């Protein structure tokens, strides 16, 4: 398995981290998922190179594109929604 650390945009807090962790865990193709809100990073292990592209798509879809990729206003707005959902679902 490969292990990677991705720097992501719009990651602000524990609510964001919770949402990212929940969405990535649902993929069932990753291991050792760790989201560090203080460092704006997401790390995980994966077996197939295609899995990395799937993860990047999921992150962008929920408002957390990888650094270097487009970060349109719609992604920023989606990250606020994902953040709020993460905060409420933690409780």
PDB file of N, CA and C in Angstrom:
ATOM      1  N   UNK A   1       0.838  -1.183   0.000  1.00  0.00           N
ATOM      2  CA  UNK A   1       0.000   0.000   0.000  1.00  0.00           C
ATOM      3  C   UNK A   1       0.882   1.245   0.000  1.00  0.00           C
ATOM      4  N   UNK A   2       0.416   2.253  -0.667  1.00  0.00           N
ATOM      5  CA  UNK A   2       1.065   3.567  -0.687  1.00  0.00           C
ATOM      6  C   UNK A   2       0.451   4.429   0.412  1.00  0.00           C
ATOM      7  N   UNK A   3       1.234   5.332   0.953  1.00  0.00           N
ATOM      8  CA  UNK A   3       0.722   6.300   1.935  1.00  0.00           C
ATOM      9  C   UNK A   3       1.009   7.691   1.381  1.00  0.00           C
ATOM     10  N   UNK A   4       0.029   8.564   1.486  1.00  0.00           N
ATOM     11  CA  UNK A   4       0.177   9.914   0.939  1.00  0.00           C
ATOM     12  C   UNK A   4      -0.400  10.934   1.907  1.00  0.00           C
ATOM     13  N   UNK A   5       0.158  12.121   1.865  1.00  0.00           N
ATOM     14  CA  UNK A   5      -0.356  13.267   2.608  1.00  0.00           C
ATOM     15  C   UNK A   5      -0.710  14.329   1.573  1.00  0.00           C
ATOM     16  N   UNK A   6      -1.974  14.744   1.561  1.00  0.00           N
ATOM     17  CA  UNK A   6      -2.443  15.780   0.647  1.00  0.00           C
ATOM     18  C   UNK A   6      -2.711  17.067   1.412  1.00  0.00           C
ATOM     19  N   UNK A   7      -2.275  18.172   0.883  1.00  0.00           N
ATOM     20  CA  UNK A   7      -2.651  19.485   1.428  1.00  0.00           C
ATOM     21  C   UNK A   7      -3.937  19.897   0.730  1.00  0.00           C
ATOM     22  N   UNK A   8      -4.942  20.267   1.532  1.00  0.00           N
ATOM     23  CA  UNK A   8      -6.239  20.626   0.958  1.00  0.00           C
ATOM     24  C   UNK A   8      -6.613  22.054   1.309  1.00  0.00           C
ATOM     25  N   UNK A   9      -7.491  22.592   0.496  1.00  0.00           N
ATOM     26  CA  UNK A   9      -7.978  23.958   0.691  1.00  0.00           C
ATOM     27  C   UNK A   9      -9.281  23.938   1.496  1.00  0.00           C
ATOM     28  N   UNK A  10      -9.566  25.038   2.154  1.00  0.00           N
ATOM     29  CA  UNK A  10     -10.836  25.289   2.858  1.00  0.00           C
ATOM     30  C   UNK A  10     -11.018  24.477   4.138  1.00  0.00           C
ATOM     31  N   UNK A  11     -10.024  23.748   4.586  1.00  0.00           N
ATOM     32  CA  UNK A  11     -10.099  22.961   5.816  1.00  0.00           C
ATOM     33  C   UNK A  11      -9.883  23.901   6.996  1.00  0.00           C
ATOM     34  N   UNK A  12     -10.928  24.081   7.810  1.00  0.00           N
ATOM     35  CA  UNK A  12     -10.893  25.111   8.834  1.00  0.00           C
ATOM     36  C   UNK A  12     -10.955  24.598  10.272  1.00  0.00           C
ATOM     37  N   UNK A  13     -11.603  23.440  10.486  1.00  0.00           N
ATOM     38  CA  UNK A  13     -11.869  23.070  11.874  1.00  0.00           C
ATOM     39  C   UNK A  13     -12.148  21.575  12.013  1.00  0.00           C
ATOM     40  N   UNK A  14     -12.481  21.193  13.228  1.00  0.00           N
ATOM     41  CA  UNK A  14     -12.815  19.807  13.515  1.00  0.00           C
ATOM     42  C   UNK A  14     -14.069  19.331  12.801  1.00  0.00           C
ATOM     43  N   UNK A  15     -15.006  20.244  12.558  1.00  0.00           N
ATOM     44  CA  UNK A  15     -16.209  19.867  11.806  1.00  0.00           C
ATOM     45  C   UNK A  15     -15.858  19.467  10.386  1.00  0.00           C
ATOM     46  N   UNK A  16     -14.977  20.240   9.772  1.00  0.00           N
ATOM     47  CA  UNK A  16     -14.492  19.905   8.426  1.00  0.00           C
ATOM     48  C   UNK A  16     -13.796  18.546   8.457  1.00  0.00           C
ATOM     49  N   UNK A  17     -12.911  18.369   9.436  1.00  0.00           N
ATOM     50  CA  UNK A  17     -12.156  17.121   9.550  1.00  0.00           C
ATOM     51  C   UNK A  17     -13.087  15.930   9.720  1.00  0.00           C
ATOM     52  N   UNK A  18     -14.129  16.089  10.520  1.00  0.00           N
ATOM     53  CA  UNK A  18     -15.086  15.005  10.740  1.00  0.00           C
ATOM     54  C   UNK A  18     -15.787  14.626   9.439  1.00  0.00           C
ATOM     55  N   UNK A  19     -16.227  15.618   8.684  1.00  0.00           N
ATOM     56  CA  UNK A  19     -16.898  15.351   7.411  1.00  0.00           C
ATOM     57  C   UNK A  19     -15.960  14.644   6.438  1.00  0.00           C
ATOM     58  N   UNK A  20     -14.737  15.120   6.329  1.00  0.00           N
ATOM     59  CA  UNK A  20     -13.770  14.500   5.419  1.00  0.00           C
ATOM     60  C   UNK A  20     -13.526  13.049   5.830  1.00  0.00           C
ATOM     61  N   UNK A  21     -13.300  12.814   7.098  1.00  0.00           N
ATOM     62  CA  UNK A  21     -13.042  11.466   7.588  1.00  0.00           C
ATOM     63  C   UNK A  21     -14.220  10.547   7.287  1.00  0.00           C
ATOM     64  N   UNK A  22     -15.415  11.025   7.536  1.00  0.00           N
ATOM     65  CA  UNK A  22     -16.619  10.222   7.299  1.00  0.00           C
ATOM     66  C   UNK A  22     -16.769   9.882   5.814  1.00  0.00           C
ATOM     67  N   UNK A  23     -16.577  10.863   4.948  1.00  0.00           N
ATOM     68  CA  UNK A  23     -16.727  10.635   3.500  1.00  0.00           C
ATOM     69  C   UNK A  23     -15.648   9.693   2.975  1.00  0.00           C
ATOM     70  N   UNK A  24     -14.421   9.867   3.408  1.00  0.00           N
ATOM     71  CA  UNK A  24     -13.351   9.004   2.925  1.00  0.00           C
ATOM     72  C   UNK A  24     -13.466   7.591   3.488  1.00  0.00           C
ATOM     73  N   UNK A  25     -13.913   7.460   4.721  1.00  0.00           N
ATOM     74  CA  UNK A  25     -14.095   6.135   5.314  1.00  0.00           C
ATOM     75  C   UNK A  25     -15.165   5.341   4.569  1.00  0.00           C
ATOM     76  N   UNK A  26     -16.143   6.029   4.030  1.00  0.00           N
ATOM     77  CA  UNK A  26     -17.221   5.359   3.287  1.00  0.00           C
ATOM     78  C   UNK A  26     -16.726   4.735   1.989  1.00  0.00           C
ATOM     79  N   UNK A  27     -15.573   5.178   1.490  1.00  0.00           N
ATOM     80  CA  UNK A  27     -15.040   4.621   0.249  1.00  0.00           C
ATOM     81  C   UNK A  27     -14.581   3.172   0.410  1.00  0.00           C
ATOM     82  N   UNK A  28     -14.184   2.770   1.603  1.00  0.00           N
ATOM     83  CA  UNK A  28     -13.740   1.418   1.921  1.00  0.00           C
ATOM     84  C   UNK A  28     -12.545   0.956   1.082  1.00  0.00           C
ATOM     85  N   UNK A  29     -11.799   1.878   0.510  1.00  0.00           N
ATOM     86  CA  UNK A  29     -10.613   1.540  -0.280  1.00  0.00           C
ATOM     87  C   UNK A  29      -9.359   2.132   0.349  1.00  0.00           C
ATOM     88  N   UNK A  30      -9.534   2.790   1.484  1.00  0.00           N
ATOM     89  CA  UNK A  30      -8.438   3.506   2.126  1.00  0.00           C
ATOM     90  C   UNK A  30      -8.177   2.955   3.511  1.00  0.00           C
ATOM     91  N   UNK A  31      -6.969   3.168   3.982  1.00  0.00           N
ATOM     92  CA  UNK A  31      -6.622   2.831   5.353  1.00  0.00           C
ATOM     93  C   UNK A  31      -5.906   3.993   6.002  1.00  0.00           C
ATOM     94  N   UNK A  32      -5.809   3.947   7.304  1.00  0.00           N
ATOM     95  CA  UNK A  32      -5.049   4.938   8.071  1.00  0.00           C
ATOM     96  C   UNK A  32      -5.420   6.379   7.731  1.00  0.00           C
ATOM     97  N   UNK A  33      -6.711   6.669   7.641  1.00  0.00           N
ATOM     98  CA  UNK A  33      -7.168   8.026   7.304  1.00  0.00           C
ATOM     99  C   UNK A  33      -6.921   8.944   8.500  1.00  0.00           C
ATOM    100  N   UNK A  34      -6.278  10.069   8.228  1.00  0.00           N
ATOM    101  CA  UNK A  34      -6.006  11.054   9.272  1.00  0.00           C
ATOM    102  C   UNK A  34      -6.174  12.447   8.674  1.00  0.00           C
ATOM    103  N   UNK A  35      -6.991  13.262   9.320  1.00  0.00           N
ATOM    104  CA  UNK A  35      -7.225  14.628   8.862  1.00  0.00           C
ATOM    105  C   UNK A  35      -6.717  15.573   9.943  1.00  0.00           C
ATOM    106  N   UNK A  36      -5.818  16.457   9.573  1.00  0.00           N
ATOM    107  CA  UNK A  36      -5.231  17.429  10.494  1.00  0.00           C
ATOM    108  C   UNK A  36      -5.698  18.827  10.100  1.00  0.00           C
ATOM    109  N   UNK A  37      -6.699  19.335  10.816  1.00  0.00           N
ATOM    110  CA  UNK A  37      -7.244  20.651  10.499  1.00  0.00           C
ATOM    111  C   UNK A  37      -6.201  21.753  10.694  1.00  0.00           C
ATOM    112  N   UNK A  38      -5.354  21.612  11.700  1.00  0.00           N
ATOM    113  CA  UNK A  38      -4.328  22.637  11.970  1.00  0.00           C
ATOM    114  C   UNK A  38      -3.293  22.736  10.849  1.00  0.00           C
ATOM    115  N   UNK A  39      -3.099  21.640  10.145  1.00  0.00           N
ATOM    116  CA  UNK A  39      -2.085  21.604   9.091  1.00  0.00           C
ATOM    117  C   UNK A  39      -2.692  21.600   7.689  1.00  0.00           C
ATOM    118  N   UNK A  40      -4.030  21.565   7.614  1.00  0.00           N
ATOM    119  CA  UNK A  40      -4.733  21.499   6.325  1.00  0.00           C
ATOM    120  C   UNK A  40      -4.316  20.282   5.514  1.00  0.00           C
ATOM    121  N   UNK A  41      -4.170  19.134   6.181  1.00  0.00           N
ATOM    122  CA  UNK A  41      -3.742  17.931   5.477  1.00  0.00           C
ATOM    123  C   UNK A  41      -4.695  16.763   5.693  1.00  0.00           C
ATOM    124  N   UNK A  42      -4.708  15.897   4.694  1.00  0.00           N
ATOM    125  CA  UNK A  42      -5.436  14.639   4.742  1.00  0.00           C
ATOM    126  C   UNK A  42      -4.435  13.567   4.349  1.00  0.00           C
ATOM    127  N   UNK A  43      -4.277  12.556   5.185  1.00  0.00           N
ATOM    128  CA  UNK A  43      -3.361  11.473   4.846  1.00  0.00           C
ATOM    129  C   UNK A  43      -4.114  10.146   4.894  1.00  0.00           C
ATOM    130  N   UNK A  44      -3.639   9.206   4.089  1.00  0.00           N
ATOM    131  CA  UNK A  44      -4.283   7.896   4.020  1.00  0.00           C
ATOM    132  C   UNK A  44      -3.391   6.936   3.244  1.00  0.00           C
ATOM    133  N   UNK A  45      -3.702   5.653   3.362  1.00  0.00           N
ATOM    134  CA  UNK A  45      -3.042   4.609   2.591  1.00  0.00           C
ATOM    135  C   UNK A  45      -4.017   4.105   1.539  1.00  0.00           C
ATOM    136  N   UNK A  46      -3.476   3.730   0.384  1.00  0.00           N
ATOM    137  CA  UNK A  46      -4.310   3.218  -0.700  1.00  0.00           C
ATOM    138  C   UNK A  46      -3.512   2.204  -1.507  1.00  0.00           C
ATOM    139  N   UNK A  47      -4.196   1.313  -2.208  1.00  0.00           N
ATOM    140  CA  UNK A  47      -3.529   0.249  -2.943  1.00  0.00           C
ATOM    141  C   UNK A  47      -3.463   0.505  -4.443  1.00  0.00           C
ATOM    142  N   UNK A  48      -4.466   1.147  -4.985  1.00  0.00           N
ATOM    143  CA  UNK A  48      -4.599   1.313  -6.425  1.00  0.00           C
ATOM    144  C   UNK A  48      -4.421   2.780  -6.802  1.00  0.00           C
ATOM    145  N   UNK A  49      -3.600   3.091  -7.805  1.00  0.00           N
ATOM    146  CA  UNK A  49      -3.429   4.492  -8.214  1.00  0.00           C
ATOM    147  C   UNK A  49      -4.742   5.192  -8.575  1.00  0.00           C
ATOM    148  N   UNK A  50      -5.724   4.451  -9.054  1.00  0.00           N
ATOM    149  CA  UNK A  50      -7.028   5.046  -9.362  1.00  0.00           C
ATOM    150  C   UNK A  50      -7.745   5.517  -8.101  1.00  0.00           C
ATOM    151  N   UNK A  51      -7.420   4.889  -6.972  1.00  0.00           N
ATOM    152  CA  UNK A  51      -8.042   5.288  -5.706  1.00  0.00           C
ATOM    153  C   UNK A  51      -7.680   6.721  -5.339  1.00  0.00           C
ATOM    154  N   UNK A  52      -6.468   7.124  -5.658  1.00  0.00           N
ATOM    155  CA  UNK A  52      -6.033   8.489  -5.361  1.00  0.00           C
ATOM    156  C   UNK A  52      -6.897   9.499  -6.112  1.00  0.00           C
ATOM    157  N   UNK A  53      -7.188   9.223  -7.355  1.00  0.00           N
ATOM    158  CA  UNK A  53      -8.047  10.126  -8.138  1.00  0.00           C
ATOM    159  C   UNK A  53      -9.464  10.159  -7.583  1.00  0.00           C
ATOM    160  N   UNK A  54      -9.971   9.015  -7.120  1.00  0.00           N
ATOM    161  CA  UNK A  54     -11.300   8.966  -6.503  1.00  0.00           C
ATOM    162  C   UNK A  54     -11.339   9.856  -5.264  1.00  0.00           C
ATOM    163  N   UNK A  55     -10.287   9.779  -4.454  1.00  0.00           N
ATOM    164  CA  UNK A  55     -10.218  10.582  -3.227  1.00  0.00           C
ATOM    165  C   UNK A  55     -10.203  12.063  -3.564  1.00  0.00           C
ATOM    166  N   UNK A  56      -9.382  12.452  -4.526  1.00  0.00           N
ATOM    167  CA  UNK A  56      -9.315  13.859  -4.917  1.00  0.00           C
ATOM    168  C   UNK A  56     -10.672  14.361  -5.389  1.00  0.00           C
ATOM    169  N   UNK A  57     -11.419  13.523  -6.120  1.00  0.00           N
ATOM    170  CA  UNK A  57     -12.751  13.906  -6.586  1.00  0.00           C
ATOM    171  C   UNK A  57     -13.713  14.069  -5.419  1.00  0.00           C
ATOM    172  N   UNK A  58     -13.690  13.128  -4.482  1.00  0.00           N
ATOM    173  CA  UNK A  58     -14.556  13.235  -3.303  1.00  0.00           C
ATOM    174  C   UNK A  58     -14.236  14.506  -2.527  1.00  0.00           C
ATOM    175  N   UNK A  59     -12.963  14.765  -2.312  1.00  0.00           N
ATOM    176  CA  UNK A  59     -12.571  15.973  -1.579  1.00  0.00           C
ATOM    177  C   UNK A  59     -13.074  17.230  -2.291  1.00  0.00           C
ATOM    178  N   UNK A  60     -12.897  17.305  -3.599  1.00  0.00           N
ATOM    179  CA  UNK A  60     -13.370  18.475  -4.352  1.00  0.00           C
ATOM    180  C   UNK A  60     -14.889  18.583  -4.289  1.00  0.00           C
ATOM    181  N   UNK A  61     -15.582  17.446  -4.383  1.00  0.00           N
ATOM    182  CA  UNK A  61     -17.052  17.453  -4.365  1.00  0.00           C
ATOM    183  C   UNK A  61     -17.623  17.966  -3.044  1.00  0.00           C
ATOM    184  N   UNK A  62     -16.900  17.743  -1.947  1.00  0.00           N
ATOM    185  CA  UNK A  62     -17.408  18.204  -0.648  1.00  0.00           C
ATOM    186  C   UNK A  62     -16.796  19.545  -0.236  1.00  0.00           C
ATOM    187  N   UNK A  63     -16.021  20.151  -1.143  1.00  0.00           N
ATOM    188  CA  UNK A  63     -15.541  21.514  -0.902  1.00  0.00           C
ATOM    189  C   UNK A  63     -14.117  21.648  -0.423  1.00  0.00           C
ATOM    190  N   UNK A  64     -13.323  20.571  -0.543  1.00  0.00           N
ATOM    191  CA  UNK A  64     -11.945  20.603  -0.064  1.00  0.00           C
ATOM    192  C   UNK A  64     -10.981  20.159  -1.168  1.00  0.00           C
ATOM    193  N   UNK A  65     -10.850  20.949  -2.235  1.00  0.00           N
ATOM    194  CA  UNK A  65      -9.933  20.550  -3.308  1.00  0.00           C
ATOM    195  C   UNK A  65      -8.482  20.539  -2.826  1.00  0.00           C
ATOM    196  N   UNK A  66      -7.699  19.703  -3.473  1.00  0.00           N
ATOM    197  CA  UNK A  66      -6.274  19.604  -3.161  1.00  0.00           C
ATOM    198  C   UNK A  66      -5.604  20.927  -3.568  1.00  0.00           C
ATOM    199  N   UNK A  67      -4.619  21.350  -2.788  1.00  0.00           N
ATOM    200  CA  UNK A  67      -3.868  22.558  -3.109  1.00  0.00           C
ATOM    201  C   UNK A  67      -3.302  22.417  -4.518  1.00  0.00           C
ATOM    202  N   UNK A  68      -3.469  23.472  -5.303  1.00  0.00           N
ATOM    203  CA  UNK A  68      -3.012  23.464  -6.678  1.00  0.00           C
ATOM    204  C   UNK A  68      -4.144  23.248  -7.672  1.00  0.00           C
ATOM    205  N   UNK A  69      -5.271  22.739  -7.182  1.00  0.00           N
ATOM    206  CA  UNK A  69      -6.443  22.572  -8.030  1.00  0.00           C
ATOM    207  C   UNK A  69      -7.348  23.786  -7.855  1.00  0.00           C
ATOM    208  N   UNK A  70      -8.270  23.956  -8.791  1.00  0.00           N
ATOM    209  CA  UNK A  70      -9.193  25.091  -8.742  1.00  0.00           C
ATOM    210  C   UNK A  70      -9.971  25.091  -7.426  1.00  0.00           C
ATOM    211  N   UNK A  71     -10.189  26.285  -6.901  1.00  0.00           N
ATOM    212  CA  UNK A  71     -10.964  26.455  -5.670  1.00  0.00           C
ATOM    213  C   UNK A  71     -12.015  27.542  -5.914  1.00  0.00           C
ATOM    214  N   UNK A  72     -13.019  27.208  -6.732  1.00  0.00           N
ATOM    215  CA  UNK A  72     -14.025  28.215  -7.054  1.00  0.00           C
ATOM    216  C   UNK A  72     -14.892  28.562  -5.845  1.00  0.00           C
ATOM    217  N   UNK A  73     -15.632  29.617  -5.974  1.00  0.00           N
ATOM    218  CA  UNK A  73     -16.536  30.049  -4.912  1.00  0.00           C
ATOM    219  C   UNK A  73     -17.490  28.933  -4.514  1.00  0.00           C
ATOM    220  N   UNK A  74     -17.928  28.143  -5.481  1.00  0.00           N
ATOM    221  CA  UNK A  74     -18.842  27.040  -5.167  1.00  0.00           C
ATOM    222  C   UNK A  74     -18.189  26.018  -4.238  1.00  0.00           C
ATOM    223  N   UNK A  75     -16.889  25.763  -4.404  1.00  0.00           N
ATOM    224  CA  UNK A  75     -16.178  24.838  -3.509  1.00  0.00           C
ATOM    225  C   UNK A  75     -16.081  25.424  -2.112  1.00  0.00           C
ATOM    226  N   UNK A  76     -15.808  26.725  -2.042  1.00  0.00           N
ATOM    227  CA  UNK A  76     -15.730  27.371  -0.732  1.00  0.00           C
ATOM    228  C   UNK A  76     -17.075  27.308  -0.020  1.00  0.00           C
ATOM    229  N   UNK A  77     -18.149  27.555  -0.755  1.00  0.00           N
ATOM    230  CA  UNK A  77     -19.492  27.478  -0.162  1.00  0.00           C
ATOM    231  C   UNK A  77     -19.794  26.053   0.287  1.00  0.00           C
ATOM    232  N   UNK A  78     -19.436  25.061  -0.538  1.00  0.00           N
ATOM    233  CA  UNK A  78     -19.675  23.666  -0.171  1.00  0.00           C
ATOM    234  C   UNK A  78     -18.901  23.291   1.076  1.00  0.00           C
ATOM    235  N   UNK A  79     -17.698  23.837   1.244  1.00  0.00           N
ATOM    236  CA  UNK A  79     -16.918  23.519   2.439  1.00  0.00           C
ATOM    237  C   UNK A  79     -17.604  24.045   3.702  1.00  0.00           C
ATOM    238  N   UNK A  80     -18.271  25.194   3.610  1.00  0.00           N
ATOM    239  CA  UNK A  80     -19.009  25.710   4.769  1.00  0.00           C
ATOM    240  C   UNK A  80     -20.152  24.778   5.131  1.00  0.00           C
ATOM    241  N   UNK A  81     -20.843  24.249   4.124  1.00  0.00           N
ATOM    242  CA  UNK A  81     -21.935  23.295   4.362  1.00  0.00           C
ATOM    243  C   UNK A  81     -21.366  22.024   4.990  1.00  0.00           C
ATOM    244  N   UNK A  82     -20.277  21.503   4.409  1.00  0.00           N
ATOM    245  CA  UNK A  82     -19.656  20.293   4.940  1.00  0.00           C
ATOM    246  C   UNK A  82     -19.174  20.495   6.368  1.00  0.00           C
ATOM    247  N   UNK A  83     -18.640  21.668   6.657  1.00  0.00           N
ATOM    248  CA  UNK A  83     -18.187  22.008   7.995  1.00  0.00           C
ATOM    249  C   UNK A  83     -19.347  21.947   8.989  1.00  0.00           C
ATOM    250  N   UNK A  84     -20.454  22.591   8.619  1.00  0.00           N
ATOM    251  CA  UNK A  84     -21.624  22.621   9.498  1.00  0.00           C
ATOM    252  C   UNK A  84     -22.163  21.215   9.733  1.00  0.00           C
ATOM    253  N   UNK A  85     -22.248  20.434   8.680  1.00  0.00           N
ATOM    254  CA  UNK A  85     -22.727  19.043   8.812  1.00  0.00           C
ATOM    255  C   UNK A  85     -21.805  18.272   9.740  1.00  0.00           C
ATOM    256  N   UNK A  86     -20.506  18.456   9.576  1.00  0.00           N
ATOM    257  CA  UNK A  86     -19.536  17.770  10.432  1.00  0.00           C
ATOM    258  C   UNK A  86     -19.656  18.166  11.878  1.00  0.00           C
ATOM    259  N   UNK A  87     -19.903  19.420  12.133  1.00  0.00           N
ATOM    260  CA  UNK A  87     -20.051  19.883  13.519  1.00  0.00           C
ATOM    261  C   UNK A  87     -21.293  19.300  14.178  1.00  0.00           C
ATOM    262  N   UNK A  88     -22.396  19.255  13.434  1.00  0.00           N
ATOM    263  CA  UNK A  88     -23.633  18.737  14.000  1.00  0.00           C
ATOM    264  C   UNK A  88     -23.611  17.216  14.155  1.00  0.00           C
ATOM    265  N   UNK A  89     -22.965  16.531  13.244  1.00  0.00           N
ATOM    266  CA  UNK A  89     -22.977  15.068  13.308  1.00  0.00           C
ATOM    267  C   UNK A  89     -21.982  14.506  14.323  1.00  0.00           C
ATOM    268  N   UNK A  90     -21.054  15.352  14.808  1.00  0.00           N
ATOM    269  CA  UNK A  90     -20.110  14.920  15.852  1.00  0.00           C
ATOM    270  C   UNK A  90     -20.820  14.734  17.182  1.00  0.00           C
ATOM    271  N   UNK A  91     -21.868  15.479  17.384  1.00  0.00           N
ATOM    272  CA  UNK A  91     -22.540  15.468  18.696  1.00  0.00           C
ATOM    273  C   UNK A  91     -23.467  14.298  18.841  1.00  0.00           C
TER     274      UNK A  91
END
